[in-house]
């Protein structure tokens, strides 16, 4: 359960980083 929460937090941080960047240079299927 705790591990699942850690994954969710990691994904949330990654999503926030992507949104903050405002572009998708490495996004394979576009924005």
N, C-alpha and C. Protein backbone atom coordinates (compact mmCIF):
# COMPACT_ATOMS: atom_id res chain seq x y z
N UNK A 1 0.84 -1.20 0.00
CA UNK A 1 0.00 0.00 0.00
C UNK A 1 0.88 1.25 0.00
N UNK A 2 1.86 1.23 0.87
CA UNK A 2 2.75 2.39 0.95
C UNK A 2 3.53 2.56 -0.36
N UNK A 3 3.91 1.42 -0.95
CA UNK A 3 4.65 1.48 -2.21
C UNK A 3 3.77 2.09 -3.31
N UNK A 4 2.49 1.73 -3.29
CA UNK A 4 1.55 2.26 -4.29
C UNK A 4 1.44 3.78 -4.14
N UNK A 5 1.38 4.23 -2.88
CA UNK A 5 1.28 5.66 -2.61
C UNK A 5 2.52 6.37 -3.13
N UNK A 6 3.69 5.74 -2.95
CA UNK A 6 4.94 6.33 -3.42
C UNK A 6 4.92 6.50 -4.94
N UNK A 7 4.38 5.50 -5.63
CA UNK A 7 4.28 5.57 -7.09
C UNK A 7 3.35 6.70 -7.52
N UNK A 8 2.23 6.83 -6.82
CA UNK A 8 1.27 7.89 -7.14
C UNK A 8 1.91 9.27 -6.95
N UNK A 9 2.64 9.44 -5.87
CA UNK A 9 3.31 10.71 -5.62
C UNK A 9 4.35 11.00 -6.69
N UNK A 10 5.06 9.96 -7.12
CA UNK A 10 6.08 10.12 -8.16
C UNK A 10 5.43 10.55 -9.47
N UNK A 11 4.32 9.92 -9.83
CA UNK A 11 3.61 10.28 -11.06
C UNK A 11 3.07 11.70 -10.97
N UNK A 12 2.58 12.08 -9.81
CA UNK A 12 2.05 13.43 -9.62
C UNK A 12 3.16 14.46 -9.78
N UNK A 13 4.33 14.16 -9.24
CA UNK A 13 5.47 15.07 -9.36
C UNK A 13 5.90 15.18 -10.82
N UNK A 14 5.90 14.05 -11.53
CA UNK A 14 6.29 14.05 -12.93
C UNK A 14 5.29 14.86 -13.76
N UNK A 15 4.01 14.68 -13.49
CA UNK A 15 2.98 15.42 -14.22
C UNK A 15 3.12 16.93 -13.96
N UNK A 16 3.37 17.30 -12.71
CA UNK A 16 3.54 18.71 -12.37
C UNK A 16 4.76 19.29 -13.09
N UNK A 17 5.82 18.49 -13.20
CA UNK A 17 7.03 18.93 -13.90
C UNK A 17 6.73 19.17 -15.37
N UNK A 18 5.99 18.24 -15.99
CA UNK A 18 5.64 18.36 -17.41
C UNK A 18 4.79 19.61 -17.64
N UNK A 19 3.79 19.81 -16.79
CA UNK A 19 2.90 20.97 -16.93
C UNK A 19 3.69 22.26 -16.74
N UNK A 20 4.64 22.25 -15.80
CA UNK A 20 5.45 23.42 -15.53
C UNK A 20 6.34 23.75 -16.71
N UNK A 21 6.87 22.72 -17.37
CA UNK A 21 7.71 22.90 -18.55
C UNK A 21 6.90 23.54 -19.68
N UNK A 22 5.67 23.07 -19.85
CA UNK A 22 4.80 23.64 -20.87
C UNK A 22 5.05 23.08 -22.27
N UNK A 23 5.98 22.13 -22.40
CA UNK A 23 6.23 21.53 -23.72
C UNK A 23 6.52 20.05 -23.55
N UNK A 24 6.50 19.32 -24.66
CA UNK A 24 6.66 17.87 -24.60
C UNK A 24 7.74 17.43 -25.60
N UNK A 25 9.00 17.75 -25.35
CA UNK A 25 10.07 17.41 -26.30
C UNK A 25 10.30 15.92 -26.42
N UNK A 26 10.01 15.16 -25.36
CA UNK A 26 10.27 13.72 -25.35
C UNK A 26 8.99 12.92 -25.44
N UNK A 27 7.86 13.63 -25.54
CA UNK A 27 6.55 12.95 -25.58
C UNK A 27 6.36 12.27 -26.94
N UNK A 28 6.35 10.93 -26.98
CA UNK A 28 6.31 10.21 -28.25
C UNK A 28 5.01 10.39 -29.04
N UNK A 29 3.89 10.63 -28.34
CA UNK A 29 2.62 10.74 -29.07
C UNK A 29 2.06 12.17 -28.99
N UNK A 30 2.94 13.14 -28.83
CA UNK A 30 2.54 14.55 -28.87
C UNK A 30 1.79 15.00 -27.62
N UNK A 31 1.53 16.29 -27.49
CA UNK A 31 0.83 16.84 -26.33
C UNK A 31 -0.67 16.55 -26.41
